Amino acid sequence: MSEYWWVVGSLGAVAAAVGLSLWWPMRAAMRRSRLAGARRNFHLQRERLEMKFIQLAQAAAKPGAPRWSDCEFENDVAYVRNRSTGELAAFVPVTIALEDPDGLAIQSALENLRCGTAVFRFDREHWETDGVALLNLTPAEAIRFYRDNLEIVAQEVGK
């Protein structure tokens, strides 16, 4: 029986090689499946997320700073993955209208509008937001700015 040890060792090595060769395609398929589910969930939860985003952003306003009087969400969505943690996020372009702390409109219509990117995080089975907006950056600019940390995994252009 001891003369067959090399057969058992060879079979173990072959099994390990097959397992490793299948690991990457299986991992890629699981990521694609997870992303497809996350995208579906984002659209199902989007209205709730936008409301929560506005509430949290307005609650985080500092005293004396301009307040948000309105926030317009565009239909485009860029899905990104954190390179180190694998966490998914959705970047949505927004236009934020500001008013001064006294509740008066800022002098010109152009002065009170700010473009930005609303950030939504995918946490296991649902999307969350912290009310964080990357001001003065479109999603494409934000992805370029954070290119060392983020990779784009999908993009949807609204109609």
C-alpha atoms as a PDB file:
ATOM      1  CA  MET A   1       0.000   0.000   0.000  1.00  0.00           C
ATOM      2  CA  SER A   2       2.853   2.394   0.738  1.00  0.00           C
ATOM      3  CA  GLU A   3       4.020   2.204  -2.887  1.00  0.00           C
ATOM      4  CA  TYR A   4       0.779   3.971  -3.997  1.00  0.00           C
ATOM      5  CA  TRP A   5       1.342   7.167  -1.999  1.00  0.00           C
ATOM      6  CA  TRP A   6       2.414   8.968  -5.161  1.00  0.00           C
ATOM      7  CA  VAL A   7      -0.991   8.184  -6.769  1.00  0.00           C
ATOM      8  CA  VAL A   8      -2.841   9.781  -3.862  1.00  0.00           C
ATOM      9  CA  GLY A   9      -0.492  12.770  -3.919  1.00  0.00           C
ATOM     10  CA  SER A  10      -0.894  13.184  -7.681  1.00  0.00           C
ATOM     11  CA  LEU A  11      -4.687  13.020  -7.422  1.00  0.00           C
ATOM     12  CA  GLY A  12      -4.592  15.653  -4.671  1.00  0.00           C
ATOM     13  CA  ALA A  13      -2.415  17.933  -6.801  1.00  0.00           C
ATOM     14  CA  VAL A  14      -4.708  17.522  -9.812  1.00  0.00           C
ATOM     15  CA  ALA A  15      -7.780  18.265  -7.682  1.00  0.00           C
ATOM     16  CA  ALA A  16      -6.106  21.403  -6.296  1.00  0.00           C
ATOM     17  CA  ALA A  17      -5.145  22.574  -9.792  1.00  0.00           C
ATOM     18  CA  VAL A  18      -8.686  22.024 -11.092  1.00  0.00           C
ATOM     19  CA  GLY A  19     -10.149  23.855  -8.078  1.00  0.00           C
ATOM     20  CA  LEU A  20      -7.826  26.820  -8.565  1.00  0.00           C
ATOM     21  CA  SER A  21      -8.521  26.990 -12.298  1.00  0.00           C
ATOM     22  CA  LEU A  22     -12.271  27.113 -11.622  1.00  0.00           C
ATOM     23  CA  TRP A  23     -12.024  29.638  -8.766  1.00  0.00           C
ATOM     24  CA  TRP A  24     -11.561  32.790 -10.895  1.00  0.00           C
ATOM     25  CA  PRO A  25     -14.415  32.113 -13.335  1.00  0.00           C
ATOM     26  CA  MET A  26     -16.721  31.177 -10.445  1.00  0.00           C
ATOM     27  CA  ARG A  27     -15.733  34.327  -8.550  1.00  0.00           C
ATOM     28  CA  ALA A  28     -16.375  36.473 -11.632  1.00  0.00           C
ATOM     29  CA  ALA A  29     -19.778  34.829 -12.163  1.00  0.00           C
ATOM     30  CA  MET A  30     -20.715  35.424  -8.512  1.00  0.00           C
ATOM     31  CA  ARG A  31     -19.701  39.098  -8.814  1.00  0.00           C
ATOM     32  CA  ARG A  32     -21.790  39.519 -11.988  1.00  0.00           C
ATOM     33  CA  SER A  33     -24.774  37.895 -10.300  1.00  0.00           C
ATOM     34  CA  ARG A  34     -24.364  40.055  -7.192  1.00  0.00           C
ATOM     35  CA  LEU A  35     -24.101  43.193  -9.334  1.00  0.00           C
ATOM     36  CA  ALA A  36     -27.238  42.302 -11.324  1.00  0.00           C
ATOM     37  CA  GLY A  37     -29.174  41.802  -8.068  1.00  0.00           C
ATOM     38  CA  ALA A  38     -27.788  45.020  -6.611  1.00  0.00           C
ATOM     39  CA  ARG A  39     -28.821  46.979  -9.709  1.00  0.00           C
ATOM     40  CA  ARG A  40     -32.354  45.542  -9.543  1.00  0.00           C
ATOM     41  CA  ASN A  41     -32.571  46.407  -5.837  1.00  0.00           C
ATOM     42  CA  PHE A  42     -31.289  49.923  -6.459  1.00  0.00           C
ATOM     43  CA  HIS A  43     -34.137  50.645  -8.868  1.00  0.00           C
ATOM     44  CA  LEU A  44     -36.688  49.131  -6.485  1.00  0.00           C
ATOM     45  CA  GLN A  45     -35.391  51.201  -3.561  1.00  0.00           C
ATOM     46  CA  ARG A  46     -34.406  54.374  -5.408  1.00  0.00           C
ATOM     47  CA  GLU A  47     -37.303  56.593  -4.335  1.00  0.00           C
ATOM     48  CA  ARG A  48     -36.783  55.717  -0.654  1.00  0.00           C
ATOM     49  CA  LEU A  49     -33.030  56.246  -1.014  1.00  0.00           C
ATOM     50  CA  GLU A  50     -33.440  59.679  -2.578  1.00  0.00           C
ATOM     51  CA  MET A  51     -35.766  60.808   0.216  1.00  0.00           C
ATOM     52  CA  LYS A  52     -33.384  59.491   2.878  1.00  0.00           C
ATOM     53  CA  PHE A  53     -30.433  61.138   1.113  1.00  0.00           C
ATOM     54  CA  ILE A  54     -32.119  64.555   1.193  1.00  0.00           C
ATOM     55  CA  GLN A  55     -33.184  64.174   4.841  1.00  0.00           C
ATOM     56  CA  LEU A  56     -29.692  63.178   5.991  1.00  0.00           C
ATOM     57  CA  ALA A  57     -27.961  65.856   3.905  1.00  0.00           C
ATOM     58  CA  GLN A  58     -30.247  68.596   5.240  1.00  0.00           C
ATOM     59  CA  ALA A  59     -29.828  67.372   8.830  1.00  0.00           C
ATOM     60  CA  ALA A  60     -26.030  67.495   8.476  1.00  0.00           C
ATOM     61  CA  ALA A  61     -26.017  71.148   7.375  1.00  0.00           C
ATOM     62  CA  LYS A  62     -23.729  73.318   9.470  1.00  0.00           C
ATOM     63  CA  PRO A  63     -25.130  76.475  11.101  1.00  0.00           C
ATOM     64  CA  GLY A  64     -24.538  79.552   8.966  1.00  0.00           C
ATOM     65  CA  ALA A  65     -23.938  77.525   5.807  1.00  0.00           C
ATOM     66  CA  PRO A  66     -26.329  77.696   2.850  1.00  0.00           C
ATOM     67  CA  ARG A  67     -29.216  75.223   3.161  1.00  0.00           C
ATOM     68  CA  TRP A  68     -30.498  72.926   0.469  1.00  0.00           C
ATOM     69  CA  SER A  69     -33.795  74.196  -0.887  1.00  0.00           C
ATOM     70  CA  ASP A  70     -34.059  71.491  -3.557  1.00  0.00           C
ATOM     71  CA  CYS A  71     -32.194  68.491  -4.924  1.00  0.00           C
ATOM     72  CA  GLU A  72     -32.793  67.134  -8.436  1.00  0.00           C
ATOM     73  CA  PHE A  73     -31.640  63.592  -9.166  1.00  0.00           C
ATOM     74  CA  GLU A  74     -30.784  62.606 -12.726  1.00  0.00           C
ATOM     75  CA  ASN A  75     -31.597  59.160 -14.116  1.00  0.00           C
ATOM     76  CA  ASP A  76     -27.972  58.179 -14.866  1.00  0.00           C
ATOM     77  CA  VAL A  77     -26.264  55.770 -12.458  1.00  0.00           C
ATOM     78  CA  ALA A  78     -22.611  54.724 -12.291  1.00  0.00           C
ATOM     79  CA  TYR A  79     -21.906  51.600 -10.242  1.00  0.00           C
ATOM     80  CA  VAL A  80     -18.421  51.397  -8.730  1.00  0.00           C
ATOM     81  CA  ARG A  81     -16.550  48.887  -6.608  1.00  0.00           C
ATOM     82  CA  ASN A  82     -14.004  49.727  -3.934  1.00  0.00           C
ATOM     83  CA  ARG A  83     -10.779  48.031  -5.048  1.00  0.00           C
ATOM     84  CA  SER A  84      -9.697  47.037  -1.538  1.00  0.00           C
ATOM     85  CA  THR A  85     -12.998  46.105   0.154  1.00  0.00           C
ATOM     86  CA  GLY A  86     -15.119  45.046  -2.818  1.00  0.00           C
ATOM     87  CA  GLU A  87     -17.989  47.248  -1.565  1.00  0.00           C
ATOM     88  CA  LEU A  88     -20.407  48.396  -4.267  1.00  0.00           C
ATOM     89  CA  ALA A  89     -21.627  51.973  -4.537  1.00  0.00           C
ATOM     90  CA  ALA A  90     -23.912  53.862  -6.889  1.00  0.00           C
ATOM     91  CA  PHE A  91     -23.084  57.401  -8.014  1.00  0.00           C
ATOM     92  CA  VAL A  92     -26.023  59.495  -9.191  1.00  0.00           C
ATOM     93  CA  PRO A  93     -25.658  63.019 -10.626  1.00  0.00           C
ATOM     94  CA  VAL A  94     -27.546  65.674  -8.681  1.00  0.00           C
ATOM     95  CA  THR A  95     -28.216  69.372  -8.964  1.00  0.00           C
ATOM     96  CA  ILE A  96     -28.597  71.066  -5.589  1.00  0.00           C
ATOM     97  CA  ALA A  97     -30.350  74.404  -5.131  1.00  0.00           C
ATOM     98  CA  LEU A  98     -29.108  76.415  -2.161  1.00  0.00           C
ATOM     99  CA  GLU A  99     -30.590  79.232  -0.106  1.00  0.00           C
ATOM    100  CA  ASP A 100     -28.802  81.355   2.436  1.00  0.00           C
ATOM    101  CA  PRO A 101     -29.192  80.630   6.164  1.00  0.00           C
ATOM    102  CA  ASP A 102     -31.832  83.367   6.530  1.00  0.00           C
ATOM    103  CA  GLY A 103     -34.084  81.500   4.092  1.00  0.00           C
ATOM    104  CA  LEU A 104     -33.648  83.972   1.266  1.00  0.00           C
ATOM    105  CA  ALA A 105     -32.779  82.856  -2.227  1.00  0.00           C
ATOM    106  CA  ILE A 106     -29.171  83.489  -3.194  1.00  0.00           C
ATOM    107  CA  GLN A 107     -28.937  86.488  -5.551  1.00  0.00           C
ATOM    108  CA  SER A 108     -28.723  84.887  -8.964  1.00  0.00           C
ATOM    109  CA  ALA A 109     -30.240  81.642 -10.129  1.00  0.00           C
ATOM    110  CA  LEU A 110     -26.856  80.366 -11.302  1.00  0.00           C
ATOM    111  CA  GLU A 111     -25.191  81.107  -7.956  1.00  0.00           C
ATOM    112  CA  ASN A 112     -27.612  78.910  -6.066  1.00  0.00           C
ATOM    113  CA  LEU A 113     -27.156  75.757  -8.182  1.00  0.00           C
ATOM    114  CA  ARG A 114     -24.424  73.219  -7.479  1.00  0.00           C
ATOM    115  CA  CYS A 115     -23.751  70.020  -9.385  1.00  0.00           C
ATOM    116  CA  GLY A 116     -22.623  67.000  -7.485  1.00  0.00           C
ATOM    117  CA  THR A 117     -22.751  63.256  -7.049  1.00  0.00           C
ATOM    118  CA  ALA A 118     -25.019  61.492  -4.574  1.00  0.00           C
ATOM    119  CA  VAL A 119     -23.367  58.410  -3.072  1.00  0.00           C
ATOM    120  CA  PHE A 120     -25.316  55.250  -2.210  1.00  0.00           C
ATOM    121  CA  ARG A 121     -23.719  52.118  -0.688  1.00  0.00           C
ATOM    122  CA  PHE A 122     -24.805  48.504  -1.152  1.00  0.00           C
ATOM    123  CA  ASP A 123     -24.843  46.696   2.192  1.00  0.00           C
ATOM    124  CA  ARG A 124     -25.442  42.967   1.649  1.00  0.00           C
ATOM    125  CA  GLU A 125     -29.056  42.912   0.411  1.00  0.00           C
ATOM    126  CA  HIS A 126     -30.086  46.573   0.469  1.00  0.00           C
ATOM    127  CA  TRP A 127     -28.862  50.026  -0.425  1.00  0.00           C
ATOM    128  CA  GLU A 128     -28.047  52.726   2.119  1.00  0.00           C
ATOM    129  CA  THR A 129     -26.998  56.346   2.090  1.00  0.00           C
ATOM    130  CA  ASP A 130     -25.242  58.643   4.523  1.00  0.00           C
ATOM    131  CA  GLY A 131     -26.514  61.750   2.738  1.00  0.00           C
ATOM    132  CA  VAL A 132     -23.052  62.373   1.298  1.00  0.00           C
ATOM    133  CA  ALA A 133     -22.761  64.416  -1.880  1.00  0.00           C
ATOM    134  CA  LEU A 134     -19.493  64.943  -3.695  1.00  0.00           C
ATOM    135  CA  LEU A 135     -20.054  68.581  -4.608  1.00  0.00           C
ATOM    136  CA  ASN A 136     -18.756  70.069  -7.845  1.00  0.00           C
ATOM    137  CA  LEU A 137     -17.917  66.601  -9.230  1.00  0.00           C
ATOM    138  CA  THR A 138     -19.976  64.652 -11.734  1.00  0.00           C
ATOM    139  CA  PRO A 139     -19.930  60.865 -11.279  1.00  0.00           C
ATOM    140  CA  ALA A 140     -17.356  60.532 -14.090  1.00  0.00           C
ATOM    141  CA  GLU A 141     -15.128  63.159 -12.464  1.00  0.00           C
ATOM    142  CA  ALA A 142     -15.506  61.528  -9.037  1.00  0.00           C
ATOM    143  CA  ILE A 143     -14.537  58.127 -10.470  1.00  0.00           C
ATOM    144  CA  ARG A 144     -11.476  59.671 -12.161  1.00  0.00           C
ATOM    145  CA  PHE A 145     -10.544  61.513  -8.951  1.00  0.00           C
ATOM    146  CA  TYR A 146     -10.778  58.318  -6.863  1.00  0.00           C
ATOM    147  CA  ARG A 147      -9.444  55.991  -9.593  1.00  0.00           C
ATOM    148  CA  ASP A 148      -6.863  54.437  -7.248  1.00  0.00           C
ATOM    149  CA  ASN A 149      -9.667  53.306  -4.898  1.00  0.00           C
ATOM    150  CA  LEU A 150     -12.606  52.750  -7.241  1.00  0.00           C
ATOM    151  CA  GLU A 151     -13.301  50.806 -10.396  1.00  0.00           C
ATOM    152  CA  ILE A 152     -16.404  51.278 -12.501  1.00  0.00           C
ATOM    153  CA  VAL A 153     -18.381  48.054 -12.911  1.00  0.00           C
ATOM    154  CA  ALA A 154     -21.530  49.245 -14.711  1.00  0.00           C
ATOM    155  CA  GLN A 155     -23.136  52.383 -16.017  1.00  0.00           C
ATOM    156  CA  GLU A 156     -26.733  53.236 -16.873  1.00  0.00           C
ATOM    157  CA  VAL A 157     -27.678  56.222 -18.971  1.00  0.00           C
ATOM    158  CA  GLY A 158     -31.130  57.551 -18.118  1.00  0.00           C
ATOM    159  CA  LYS A 159     -33.764  58.278 -20.686  1.00  0.00           C
END
